[in-house]
């Protein structure tokens, strides 16, 4: 059997075990403890409003929040070349997340 066939699944990015509805601060702490880091993009992102500054003070991975509708916010992480994005509702509950090109969570079609 080809070694690549055996090793390839181990090399693919594994989606972290996240749950819709968990508060993003709790998710942030769990990700940091699993070796994820705030992405460079999130480190450079500057909050545009007082609300965003308050969120970023609690969760430094904040990228941005929408100004209308449900007030969704996006957060960025990286680990060993993998990029992870979280999306939360305005109240901070996790809605969905993206690892590479794959989306998981609420409102995402099952694979």
PDB file of N, CA and C in Angstrom:
ATOM      1  N   UNK A   1       0.855  -1.180   0.000  1.00  0.00           N
ATOM      2  CA  UNK A   1       0.000   0.000   0.000  1.00  0.00           C
ATOM      3  C   UNK A   1       0.896   1.237   0.000  1.00  0.00           C
ATOM      4  N   UNK A   2       0.496   2.218  -0.735  1.00  0.00           N
ATOM      5  CA  UNK A   2       1.255   3.448  -0.867  1.00  0.00           C
ATOM      6  C   UNK A   2       1.259   4.209   0.465  1.00  0.00           C
ATOM      7  N   UNK A   3       2.430   4.677   0.887  1.00  0.00           N
ATOM      8  CA  UNK A   3       2.559   5.394   2.153  1.00  0.00           C
ATOM      9  C   UNK A   3       1.703   6.656   2.170  1.00  0.00           C
ATOM     10  N   UNK A   4       1.605   7.338   1.030  1.00  0.00           N
ATOM     11  CA  UNK A   4       0.806   8.564   0.966  1.00  0.00           C
ATOM     12  C   UNK A   4      -0.662   8.278   1.285  1.00  0.00           C
ATOM     13  N   UNK A   5      -1.173   7.137   0.853  1.00  0.00           N
ATOM     14  CA  UNK A   5      -2.559   6.772   1.143  1.00  0.00           C
ATOM     15  C   UNK A   5      -2.771   6.632   2.647  1.00  0.00           C
ATOM     16  N   UNK A   6      -1.758   6.119   3.339  1.00  0.00           N
ATOM     17  CA  UNK A   6      -1.873   5.946   4.784  1.00  0.00           C
ATOM     18  C   UNK A   6      -1.703   7.248   5.550  1.00  0.00           C
ATOM     19  N   UNK A   7      -0.827   8.112   5.066  1.00  0.00           N
ATOM     20  CA  UNK A   7      -0.476   9.332   5.791  1.00  0.00           C
ATOM     21  C   UNK A   7      -1.381  10.507   5.429  1.00  0.00           C
ATOM     22  N   UNK A   8      -1.920  10.543   4.231  1.00  0.00           N
ATOM     23  CA  UNK A   8      -2.693  11.697   3.761  1.00  0.00           C
ATOM     24  C   UNK A   8      -3.811  12.107   4.720  1.00  0.00           C
ATOM     25  N   UNK A   9      -4.617  11.167   5.256  1.00  0.00           N
ATOM     26  CA  UNK A   9      -5.668  11.603   6.187  1.00  0.00           C
ATOM     27  C   UNK A   9      -5.108  12.288   7.431  1.00  0.00           C
ATOM     28  N   UNK A  10      -3.915  11.915   7.848  1.00  0.00           N
ATOM     29  CA  UNK A  10      -3.311  12.548   9.018  1.00  0.00           C
ATOM     30  C   UNK A  10      -2.831  13.954   8.714  1.00  0.00           C
ATOM     31  N   UNK A  11      -2.525  14.220   7.453  1.00  0.00           N
ATOM     32  CA  UNK A  11      -2.025  15.536   7.064  1.00  0.00           C
ATOM     33  C   UNK A  11      -3.145  16.538   6.833  1.00  0.00           C
ATOM     34  N   UNK A  12      -4.342  16.047   6.585  1.00  0.00           N
ATOM     35  CA  UNK A  12      -5.475  16.941   6.337  1.00  0.00           C
ATOM     36  C   UNK A  12      -5.862  17.653   7.627  1.00  0.00           C
ATOM     37  N   UNK A  13      -6.260  18.892   7.484  1.00  0.00           N
ATOM     38  CA  UNK A  13      -6.666  19.679   8.650  1.00  0.00           C
ATOM     39  C   UNK A  13      -7.892  19.055   9.298  1.00  0.00           C
ATOM     40  N   UNK A  14      -7.856  18.945  10.586  1.00  0.00           N
ATOM     41  CA  UNK A  14      -8.986  18.417  11.343  1.00  0.00           C
ATOM     42  C   UNK A  14      -9.773  19.578  11.940  1.00  0.00           C
ATOM     43  N   UNK A  15     -11.067  19.585  11.696  1.00  0.00           N
ATOM     44  CA  UNK A  15     -11.905  20.638  12.266  1.00  0.00           C
ATOM     45  C   UNK A  15     -11.956  20.456  13.781  1.00  0.00           C
ATOM     46  N   UNK A  16     -11.748  21.525  14.527  1.00  0.00           N
ATOM     47  CA  UNK A  16     -11.847  21.412  15.979  1.00  0.00           C
ATOM     48  C   UNK A  16     -13.270  21.063  16.390  1.00  0.00           C
ATOM     49  N   UNK A  17     -13.402  20.483  17.550  1.00  0.00           N
ATOM     50  CA  UNK A  17     -14.706  20.080  18.070  1.00  0.00           C
ATOM     51  C   UNK A  17     -15.393  21.312  18.656  1.00  0.00           C
ATOM     52  N   UNK A  18     -16.181  21.973  17.839  1.00  0.00           N
ATOM     53  CA  UNK A  18     -16.879  23.191  18.247  1.00  0.00           C
ATOM     54  C   UNK A  18     -18.376  22.921  18.271  1.00  0.00           C
ATOM     55  N   UNK A  19     -19.090  23.703  19.072  1.00  0.00           N
ATOM     56  CA  UNK A  19     -20.531  23.521  19.192  1.00  0.00           C
ATOM     57  C   UNK A  19     -21.259  24.836  18.957  1.00  0.00           C
ATOM     58  N   UNK A  20     -22.244  24.794  18.090  1.00  0.00           N
ATOM     59  CA  UNK A  20     -23.102  25.949  17.856  1.00  0.00           C
ATOM     60  C   UNK A  20     -23.747  26.332  19.181  1.00  0.00           C
ATOM     61  N   UNK A  21     -23.795  27.631  19.451  1.00  0.00           N
ATOM     62  CA  UNK A  21     -24.442  28.134  20.656  1.00  0.00           C
ATOM     63  C   UNK A  21     -23.491  28.415  21.810  1.00  0.00           C
ATOM     64  N   UNK A  22     -22.267  27.856  21.754  1.00  0.00           N
ATOM     65  CA  UNK A  22     -21.299  28.165  22.817  1.00  0.00           C
ATOM     66  C   UNK A  22     -20.862  29.610  22.669  1.00  0.00           C
ATOM     67  N   UNK A  23     -20.581  30.250  23.777  1.00  0.00           N
ATOM     68  CA  UNK A  23     -20.156  31.645  23.731  1.00  0.00           C
ATOM     69  C   UNK A  23     -18.745  31.724  23.156  1.00  0.00           C
ATOM     70  N   UNK A  24     -18.515  32.707  22.321  1.00  0.00           N
ATOM     71  CA  UNK A  24     -17.247  32.821  21.603  1.00  0.00           C
ATOM     72  C   UNK A  24     -16.052  32.990  22.556  1.00  0.00           C
ATOM     73  N   UNK A  25     -16.250  33.587  23.716  1.00  0.00           N
ATOM     74  CA  UNK A  25     -15.148  33.690  24.685  1.00  0.00           C
ATOM     75  C   UNK A  25     -14.719  32.310  25.159  1.00  0.00           C
ATOM     76  N   UNK A  26     -15.668  31.432  25.405  1.00  0.00           N
ATOM     77  CA  UNK A  26     -15.370  30.061  25.821  1.00  0.00           C
ATOM     78  C   UNK A  26     -14.676  29.307  24.695  1.00  0.00           C
ATOM     79  N   UNK A  27     -15.168  29.479  23.472  1.00  0.00           N
ATOM     80  CA  UNK A  27     -14.566  28.833  22.308  1.00  0.00           C
ATOM     81  C   UNK A  27     -13.135  29.337  22.119  1.00  0.00           C
ATOM     82  N   UNK A  28     -12.931  30.636  22.277  1.00  0.00           N
ATOM     83  CA  UNK A  28     -11.596  31.232  22.136  1.00  0.00           C
ATOM     84  C   UNK A  28     -10.609  30.566  23.102  1.00  0.00           C
ATOM     85  N   UNK A  29     -10.989  30.464  24.360  1.00  0.00           N
ATOM     86  CA  UNK A  29     -10.097  29.858  25.360  1.00  0.00           C
ATOM     87  C   UNK A  29      -9.785  28.400  25.008  1.00  0.00           C
ATOM     88  N   UNK A  30     -10.796  27.665  24.550  1.00  0.00           N
ATOM     89  CA  UNK A  30     -10.591  26.265  24.169  1.00  0.00           C
ATOM     90  C   UNK A  30      -9.630  26.158  22.988  1.00  0.00           C
ATOM     91  N   UNK A  31      -9.793  27.026  21.992  1.00  0.00           N
ATOM     92  CA  UNK A  31      -8.912  26.987  20.829  1.00  0.00           C
ATOM     93  C   UNK A  31      -7.467  27.312  21.214  1.00  0.00           C
ATOM     94  N   UNK A  32      -7.280  28.321  22.036  1.00  0.00           N
ATOM     95  CA  UNK A  32      -5.934  28.693  22.483  1.00  0.00           C
ATOM     96  C   UNK A  32      -5.297  27.519  23.220  1.00  0.00           C
ATOM     97  N   UNK A  33      -6.057  26.829  24.046  1.00  0.00           N
ATOM     98  CA  UNK A  33      -5.512  25.681  24.782  1.00  0.00           C
ATOM     99  C   UNK A  33      -5.195  24.503  23.859  1.00  0.00           C
ATOM    100  N   UNK A  34      -5.793  24.478  22.661  1.00  0.00           N
ATOM    101  CA  UNK A  34      -5.528  23.430  21.678  1.00  0.00           C
ATOM    102  C   UNK A  34      -4.420  23.822  20.701  1.00  0.00           C
ATOM    103  N   UNK A  35      -3.754  24.938  20.961  1.00  0.00           N
ATOM    104  CA  UNK A  35      -2.630  25.331  20.110  1.00  0.00           C
ATOM    105  C   UNK A  35      -2.963  26.279  18.983  1.00  0.00           C
ATOM    106  N   UNK A  36      -4.205  26.701  18.870  1.00  0.00           N
ATOM    107  CA  UNK A  36      -4.558  27.712  17.867  1.00  0.00           C
ATOM    108  C   UNK A  36      -4.069  29.067  18.360  1.00  0.00           C
ATOM    109  N   UNK A  37      -3.720  29.936  17.424  1.00  0.00           N
ATOM    110  CA  UNK A  37      -3.277  31.291  17.753  1.00  0.00           C
ATOM    111  C   UNK A  37      -4.160  32.293  17.036  1.00  0.00           C
ATOM    112  N   UNK A  38      -4.222  33.490  17.584  1.00  0.00           N
ATOM    113  CA  UNK A  38      -4.922  34.575  16.901  1.00  0.00           C
ATOM    114  C   UNK A  38      -4.194  34.795  15.578  1.00  0.00           C
ATOM    115  N   UNK A  39      -4.930  34.837  14.488  1.00  0.00           N
ATOM    116  CA  UNK A  39      -4.315  34.984  13.166  1.00  0.00           C
ATOM    117  C   UNK A  39      -3.649  36.352  13.019  1.00  0.00           C
ATOM    118  N   UNK A  40      -2.689  36.422  12.108  1.00  0.00           N
ATOM    119  CA  UNK A  40      -2.035  37.704  11.819  1.00  0.00           C
ATOM    120  C   UNK A  40      -3.059  38.731  11.351  1.00  0.00           C
ATOM    121  N   UNK A  41      -4.016  38.280  10.540  1.00  0.00           N
ATOM    122  CA  UNK A  41      -5.057  39.178  10.048  1.00  0.00           C
ATOM    123  C   UNK A  41      -5.855  39.771  11.218  1.00  0.00           C
ATOM    124  N   UNK A  42      -6.177  38.940  12.210  1.00  0.00           N
ATOM    125  CA  UNK A  42      -6.937  39.422  13.373  1.00  0.00           C
ATOM    126  C   UNK A  42      -6.079  40.359  14.223  1.00  0.00           C
ATOM    127  N   UNK A  43      -4.795  40.072  14.332  1.00  0.00           N
ATOM    128  CA  UNK A  43      -3.914  40.968  15.104  1.00  0.00           C
ATOM    129  C   UNK A  43      -3.866  42.358  14.485  1.00  0.00           C
ATOM    130  N   UNK A  44      -3.929  42.420  13.155  1.00  0.00           N
ATOM    131  CA  UNK A  44      -3.854  43.709  12.450  1.00  0.00           C
ATOM    132  C   UNK A  44      -5.207  44.425  12.383  1.00  0.00           C
ATOM    133  N   UNK A  45      -6.296  43.690  12.572  1.00  0.00           N
ATOM    134  CA  UNK A  45      -7.638  44.275  12.441  1.00  0.00           C
ATOM    135  C   UNK A  45      -7.884  45.301  13.543  1.00  0.00           C
ATOM    136  N   UNK A  46      -8.352  46.462  13.121  1.00  0.00           N
ATOM    137  CA  UNK A  46      -8.656  47.521  14.083  1.00  0.00           C
ATOM    138  C   UNK A  46     -10.165  47.677  14.217  1.00  0.00           C
ATOM    139  N   UNK A  47     -10.670  47.604  15.437  1.00  0.00           N
ATOM    140  CA  UNK A  47     -12.121  47.749  15.652  1.00  0.00           C
ATOM    141  C   UNK A  47     -12.603  49.103  15.149  1.00  0.00           C
ATOM    142  N   UNK A  48     -13.796  49.089  14.557  1.00  0.00           N
ATOM    143  CA  UNK A  48     -14.350  50.313  13.976  1.00  0.00           C
ATOM    144  C   UNK A  48     -15.307  51.038  14.900  1.00  0.00           C
ATOM    145  N   UNK A  49     -15.731  50.382  15.952  1.00  0.00           N
ATOM    146  CA  UNK A  49     -16.723  51.008  16.839  1.00  0.00           C
ATOM    147  C   UNK A  49     -16.382  50.677  18.295  1.00  0.00           C
ATOM    148  N   UNK A  50     -17.075  51.367  19.191  1.00  0.00           N
ATOM    149  CA  UNK A  50     -16.880  51.089  20.616  1.00  0.00           C
ATOM    150  C   UNK A  50     -17.291  49.653  20.940  1.00  0.00           C
ATOM    151  N   UNK A  51     -18.360  49.182  20.301  1.00  0.00           N
ATOM    152  CA  UNK A  51     -18.804  47.797  20.521  1.00  0.00           C
ATOM    153  C   UNK A  51     -17.711  46.815  20.097  1.00  0.00           C
ATOM    154  N   UNK A  52     -17.117  47.045  18.936  1.00  0.00           N
ATOM    155  CA  UNK A  52     -16.059  46.159  18.459  1.00  0.00           C
ATOM    156  C   UNK A  52     -14.817  46.231  19.347  1.00  0.00           C
ATOM    157  N   UNK A  53     -14.493  47.408  19.848  1.00  0.00           N
ATOM    158  CA  UNK A  53     -13.347  47.536  20.760  1.00  0.00           C
ATOM    159  C   UNK A  53     -13.585  46.721  22.030  1.00  0.00           C
ATOM    160  N   UNK A  54     -14.823  46.753  22.523  1.00  0.00           N
ATOM    161  CA  UNK A  54     -15.155  45.987  23.729  1.00  0.00           C
ATOM    162  C   UNK A  54     -15.056  44.481  23.469  1.00  0.00           C
ATOM    163  N   UNK A  55     -15.527  44.048  22.311  1.00  0.00           N
ATOM    164  CA  UNK A  55     -15.443  42.625  21.964  1.00  0.00           C
ATOM    165  C   UNK A  55     -13.988  42.212  21.815  1.00  0.00           C
ATOM    166  N   UNK A  56     -13.202  43.017  21.108  1.00  0.00           N
ATOM    167  CA  UNK A  56     -11.787  42.674  20.862  1.00  0.00           C
ATOM    168  C   UNK A  56     -10.994  42.628  22.167  1.00  0.00           C
ATOM    169  N   UNK A  57     -11.378  43.430  23.145  1.00  0.00           N
ATOM    170  CA  UNK A  57     -10.705  43.387  24.449  1.00  0.00           C
ATOM    171  C   UNK A  57     -10.922  42.033  25.120  1.00  0.00           C
ATOM    172  N   UNK A  58     -12.068  41.418  24.877  1.00  0.00           N
ATOM    173  CA  UNK A  58     -12.392  40.110  25.462  1.00  0.00           C
ATOM    174  C   UNK A  58     -11.906  38.957  24.585  1.00  0.00           C
ATOM    175  N   UNK A  59     -12.026  39.128  23.263  1.00  0.00           N
ATOM    176  CA  UNK A  59     -11.657  38.077  22.307  1.00  0.00           C
ATOM    177  C   UNK A  59     -10.761  38.719  21.241  1.00  0.00           C
ATOM    178  N   UNK A  60      -9.437  38.663  21.423  1.00  0.00           N
ATOM    179  CA  UNK A  60      -8.511  39.374  20.541  1.00  0.00           C
ATOM    180  C   UNK A  60      -8.476  38.876  19.102  1.00  0.00           C
ATOM    181  N   UNK A  61      -9.153  37.785  18.806  1.00  0.00           N
ATOM    182  CA  UNK A  61      -9.171  37.260  17.438  1.00  0.00           C
ATOM    183  C   UNK A  61     -10.240  37.918  16.567  1.00  0.00           C
ATOM    184  N   UNK A  62     -10.954  38.921  17.104  1.00  0.00           N
ATOM    185  CA  UNK A  62     -12.000  39.588  16.333  1.00  0.00           C
ATOM    186  C   UNK A  62     -11.429  40.183  15.054  1.00  0.00           C
ATOM    187  N   UNK A  63     -12.086  39.880  13.938  1.00  0.00           N
ATOM    188  CA  UNK A  63     -11.735  40.483  12.652  1.00  0.00           C
ATOM    189  C   UNK A  63     -12.629  41.684  12.385  1.00  0.00           C
ATOM    190  N   UNK A  64     -13.941  41.465  12.454  1.00  0.00           N
ATOM    191  CA  UNK A  64     -14.899  42.528  12.181  1.00  0.00           C
ATOM    192  C   UNK A  64     -16.301  42.078  12.583  1.00  0.00           C
ATOM    193  N   UNK A  65     -17.202  43.039  12.666  1.00  0.00           N
ATOM    194  CA  UNK A  65     -18.619  42.759  12.903  1.00  0.00           C
ATOM    195  C   UNK A  65     -19.429  43.517  11.865  1.00  0.00           C
ATOM    196  N   UNK A  66     -20.528  42.931  11.455  1.00  0.00           N
ATOM    197  CA  UNK A  66     -21.405  43.633  10.522  1.00  0.00           C
ATOM    198  C   UNK A  66     -22.138  44.733  11.285  1.00  0.00           C
ATOM    199  N   UNK A  67     -22.507  45.764  10.584  1.00  0.00           N
ATOM    200  CA  UNK A  67     -23.177  46.880  11.230  1.00  0.00           C
ATOM    201  C   UNK A  67     -24.678  46.809  11.134  1.00  0.00           C
ATOM    202  N   UNK A  68     -25.181  45.806  10.436  1.00  0.00           N
ATOM    203  CA  UNK A  68     -26.634  45.692  10.241  1.00  0.00           C
ATOM    204  C   UNK A  68     -27.082  44.257  10.462  1.00  0.00           C
ATOM    205  N   UNK A  69     -28.374  44.070  10.430  1.00  0.00           N
ATOM    206  CA  UNK A  69     -28.936  42.721  10.535  1.00  0.00           C
ATOM    207  C   UNK A  69     -28.653  42.095  11.887  1.00  0.00           C
ATOM    208  N   UNK A  70     -28.213  40.847  11.872  1.00  0.00           N
ATOM    209  CA  UNK A  70     -27.993  40.088  13.108  1.00  0.00           C
ATOM    210  C   UNK A  70     -26.710  40.501  13.822  1.00  0.00           C
ATOM    211  N   UNK A  71     -25.931  41.400  13.219  1.00  0.00           N
ATOM    212  CA  UNK A  71     -24.696  41.852  13.868  1.00  0.00           C
ATOM    213  C   UNK A  71     -23.673  40.745  13.998  1.00  0.00           C
ATOM    214  N   UNK A  72     -23.531  39.908  12.969  1.00  0.00           N
ATOM    215  CA  UNK A  72     -22.580  38.814  13.004  1.00  0.00           C
ATOM    216  C   UNK A  72     -21.150  39.336  13.124  1.00  0.00           C
ATOM    217  N   UNK A  73     -20.319  38.595  13.841  1.00  0.00           N
ATOM    218  CA  UNK A  73     -18.906  38.945  13.999  1.00  0.00           C
ATOM    219  C   UNK A  73     -18.042  37.785  13.519  1.00  0.00           C
ATOM    220  N   UNK A  74     -16.878  38.106  12.960  1.00  0.00           N
ATOM    221  CA  UNK A  74     -15.940  37.094  12.470  1.00  0.00           C
ATOM    222  C   UNK A  74     -14.653  37.163  13.281  1.00  0.00           C
ATOM    223  N   UNK A  75     -14.054  35.991  13.501  1.00  0.00           N
ATOM    224  CA  UNK A  75     -12.830  35.850  14.293  1.00  0.00           C
ATOM    225  C   UNK A  75     -11.852  34.981  13.517  1.00  0.00           C
ATOM    226  N   UNK A  76     -10.549  35.245  13.658  1.00  0.00           N
ATOM    227  CA  UNK A  76      -9.558  34.494  12.904  1.00  0.00           C
ATOM    228  C   UNK A  76      -8.499  33.828  13.773  1.00  0.00           C
ATOM    229  N   UNK A  77      -8.158  32.582  13.400  1.00  0.00           N
ATOM    230  CA  UNK A  77      -7.147  31.785  14.102  1.00  0.00           C
ATOM    231  C   UNK A  77      -6.276  31.070  13.082  1.00  0.00           C
ATOM    232  N   UNK A  78      -5.096  30.661  13.518  1.00  0.00           N
ATOM    233  CA  UNK A  78      -4.220  29.851  12.672  1.00  0.00           C
ATOM    234  C   UNK A  78      -3.468  28.855  13.557  1.00  0.00           C
ATOM    235  N   UNK A  79      -3.098  27.740  12.915  1.00  0.00           N
ATOM    236  CA  UNK A  79      -2.305  26.726  13.608  1.00  0.00           C
ATOM    237  C   UNK A  79      -1.643  25.857  12.551  1.00  0.00           C
ATOM    238  N   UNK A  80      -0.336  25.796  12.593  1.00  0.00           N
ATOM    239  CA  UNK A  80       0.438  24.937  11.698  1.00  0.00           C
ATOM    240  C   UNK A  80      -0.005  25.055  10.246  1.00  0.00           C
ATOM    241  N   UNK A  81      -0.191  26.276   9.778  1.00  0.00           N
ATOM    242  CA  UNK A  81      -0.564  26.508   8.389  1.00  0.00           C
ATOM    243  C   UNK A  81      -2.051  26.421   8.094  1.00  0.00           C
ATOM    244  N   UNK A  82      -2.862  26.022   9.069  1.00  0.00           N
ATOM    245  CA  UNK A  82      -4.309  25.961   8.877  1.00  0.00           C
ATOM    246  C   UNK A  82      -4.935  27.272   9.336  1.00  0.00           C
ATOM    247  N   UNK A  83      -5.965  27.706   8.629  1.00  0.00           N
ATOM    248  CA  UNK A  83      -6.694  28.917   8.990  1.00  0.00           C
ATOM    249  C   UNK A  83      -8.117  28.547   9.394  1.00  0.00           C
ATOM    250  N   UNK A  84      -8.547  29.114  10.511  1.00  0.00           N
ATOM    251  CA  UNK A  84      -9.869  28.858  11.053  1.00  0.00           C
ATOM    252  C   UNK A  84     -10.564  30.191  11.263  1.00  0.00           C
ATOM    253  N   UNK A  85     -11.804  30.269  10.816  1.00  0.00           N
ATOM    254  CA  UNK A  85     -12.627  31.455  11.060  1.00  0.00           C
ATOM    255  C   UNK A  85     -13.883  31.040  11.791  1.00  0.00           C
ATOM    256  N   UNK A  86     -14.255  31.849  12.753  1.00  0.00           N
ATOM    257  CA  UNK A  86     -15.497  31.645  13.488  1.00  0.00           C
ATOM    258  C   UNK A  86     -16.457  32.764  13.125  1.00  0.00           C
ATOM    259  N   UNK A  87     -17.746  32.474  13.194  1.00  0.00           N
ATOM    260  CA  UNK A  87     -18.781  33.485  13.022  1.00  0.00           C
ATOM    261  C   UNK A  87     -19.706  33.366  14.220  1.00  0.00           C
ATOM    262  N   UNK A  88     -19.923  34.496  14.885  1.00  0.00           N
ATOM    263  CA  UNK A  88     -20.832  34.505  16.037  1.00  0.00           C
ATOM    264  C   UNK A  88     -21.958  35.496  15.798  1.00  0.00           C
ATOM    265  N   UNK A  89     -23.053  35.288  16.525  1.00  0.00           N
ATOM    266  CA  UNK A  89     -24.147  36.261  16.531  1.00  0.00           C
ATOM    267  C   UNK A  89     -23.704  37.446  17.363  1.00  0.00           C
ATOM    268  N   UNK A  90     -24.427  38.521  17.278  1.00  0.00           N
ATOM    269  CA  UNK A  90     -24.098  39.716  18.031  1.00  0.00           C
ATOM    270  C   UNK A  90     -24.005  39.493  19.531  1.00  0.00           C
ATOM    271  N   UNK A  91     -24.750  38.508  20.061  1.00  0.00           N
ATOM    272  CA  UNK A  91     -24.688  38.229  21.494  1.00  0.00           C
ATOM    273  C   UNK A  91     -23.509  37.326  21.867  1.00  0.00           C
ATOM    274  N   UNK A  92     -22.706  36.933  20.868  1.00  0.00           N
ATOM    275  CA  UNK A  92     -21.498  36.157  21.139  1.00  0.00           C
ATOM    276  C   UNK A  92     -21.640  34.656  21.008  1.00  0.00           C
ATOM    277  N   UNK A  93     -22.814  34.166  20.590  1.00  0.00           N
ATOM    278  CA  UNK A  93     -22.981  32.722  20.429  1.00  0.00           C
ATOM    279  C   UNK A  93     -22.438  32.271  19.079  1.00  0.00           C
ATOM    280  N   UNK A  94     -21.654  31.193  19.096  1.00  0.00           N
ATOM    281  CA  UNK A  94     -21.069  30.637  17.885  1.00  0.00           C
ATOM    282  C   UNK A  94     -22.168  30.144  16.947  1.00  0.00           C
ATOM    283  N   UNK A  95     -22.061  30.533  15.679  1.00  0.00           N
ATOM    284  CA  UNK A  95     -23.041  30.141  14.671  1.00  0.00           C
ATOM    285  C   UNK A  95     -22.440  29.111  13.719  1.00  0.00           C
ATOM    286  N   UNK A  96     -21.267  29.433  13.157  1.00  0.00           N
ATOM    287  CA  UNK A  96     -20.603  28.529  12.211  1.00  0.00           C
ATOM    288  C   UNK A  96     -19.117  28.813  12.190  1.00  0.00           C
ATOM    289  N   UNK A  97     -18.362  27.920  11.552  1.00  0.00           N
ATOM    290  CA  UNK A  97     -16.926  28.109  11.452  1.00  0.00           C
ATOM    291  C   UNK A  97     -16.428  27.532  10.138  1.00  0.00           C
ATOM    292  N   UNK A  98     -15.276  28.038   9.697  1.00  0.00           N
ATOM    293  CA  UNK A  98     -14.682  27.641   8.429  1.00  0.00           C
ATOM    294  C   UNK A  98     -13.242  27.210   8.669  1.00  0.00           C
ATOM    295  N   UNK A  99     -12.902  26.037   8.185  1.00  0.00           N
ATOM    296  CA  UNK A  99     -11.533  25.541   8.219  1.00  0.00           C
ATOM    297  C   UNK A  99     -11.135  25.286   6.785  1.00  0.00           C
ATOM    298  N   UNK A 100     -10.174  26.052   6.278  1.00  0.00           N
ATOM    299  CA  UNK A 100      -9.844  25.969   4.858  1.00  0.00           C
ATOM    300  C   UNK A 100     -11.047  26.423   4.054  1.00  0.00           C
ATOM    301  N   UNK A 101     -11.499  25.584   3.134  1.00  0.00           N
ATOM    302  CA  UNK A 101     -12.672  25.910   2.313  1.00  0.00           C
ATOM    303  C   UNK A 101     -13.957  25.313   2.861  1.00  0.00           C
ATOM    304  N   UNK A 102     -13.869  24.539   3.928  1.00  0.00           N
ATOM    305  CA  UNK A 102     -15.034  23.822   4.459  1.00  0.00           C
ATOM    306  C   UNK A 102     -15.708  24.595   5.593  1.00  0.00           C
ATOM    307  N   UNK A 103     -17.041  24.668   5.526  1.00  0.00           N
ATOM    308  CA  UNK A 103     -17.842  25.330   6.538  1.00  0.00           C
ATOM    309  C   UNK A 103     -18.551  24.300   7.398  1.00  0.00           C
ATOM    310  N   UNK A 104     -18.722  24.601   8.678  1.00  0.00           N
ATOM    311  CA  UNK A 104     -19.387  23.732   9.649  1.00  0.00           C
ATOM    312  C   UNK A 104     -20.329  24.581  10.478  1.00  0.00           C
ATOM    313  N   UNK A 105     -21.326  23.944  11.111  1.00  0.00           N
ATOM    314  CA  UNK A 105     -22.199  24.645  12.031  1.00  0.00           C
ATOM    315  C   UNK A 105     -23.579  24.918  11.462  1.00  0.00           C
ATOM    316  N   UNK A 106     -24.267  25.886  12.055  1.00  0.00           N
ATOM    317  CA  UNK A 106     -25.645  26.213  11.696  1.00  0.00           C
ATOM    318  C   UNK A 106     -25.717  26.781  10.280  1.00  0.00           C
ATOM    319  N   UNK A 107     -26.737  26.343   9.565  1.00  0.00           N
ATOM    320  CA  UNK A 107     -26.972  26.872   8.230  1.00  0.00           C
ATOM    321  C   UNK A 107     -26.039  26.330   7.170  1.00  0.00           C
ATOM    322  N   UNK A 108     -25.311  25.253   7.487  1.00  0.00           N
ATOM    323  CA  UNK A 108     -24.372  24.674   6.542  1.00  0.00           C
ATOM    324  C   UNK A 108     -24.899  23.303   6.138  1.00  0.00           C
ATOM    325  N   UNK A 109     -24.961  23.043   4.849  1.00  0.00           N
ATOM    326  CA  UNK A 109     -25.438  21.751   4.361  1.00  0.00           C
ATOM    327  C   UNK A 109     -24.525  20.629   4.832  1.00  0.00           C
ATOM    328  N   UNK A 110     -25.077  19.521   5.215  1.00  0.00           N
ATOM    329  CA  UNK A 110     -24.293  18.362   5.658  1.00  0.00           C
ATOM    330  C   UNK A 110     -23.527  17.776   4.487  1.00  0.00           C
ATOM    331  N   UNK A 111     -22.400  17.187   4.815  1.00  0.00           N
ATOM    332  CA  UNK A 111     -21.575  16.532   3.790  1.00  0.00           C
ATOM    333  C   UNK A 111     -21.728  15.055   3.893  1.00  0.00           C
TER     334      UNK A 111
END
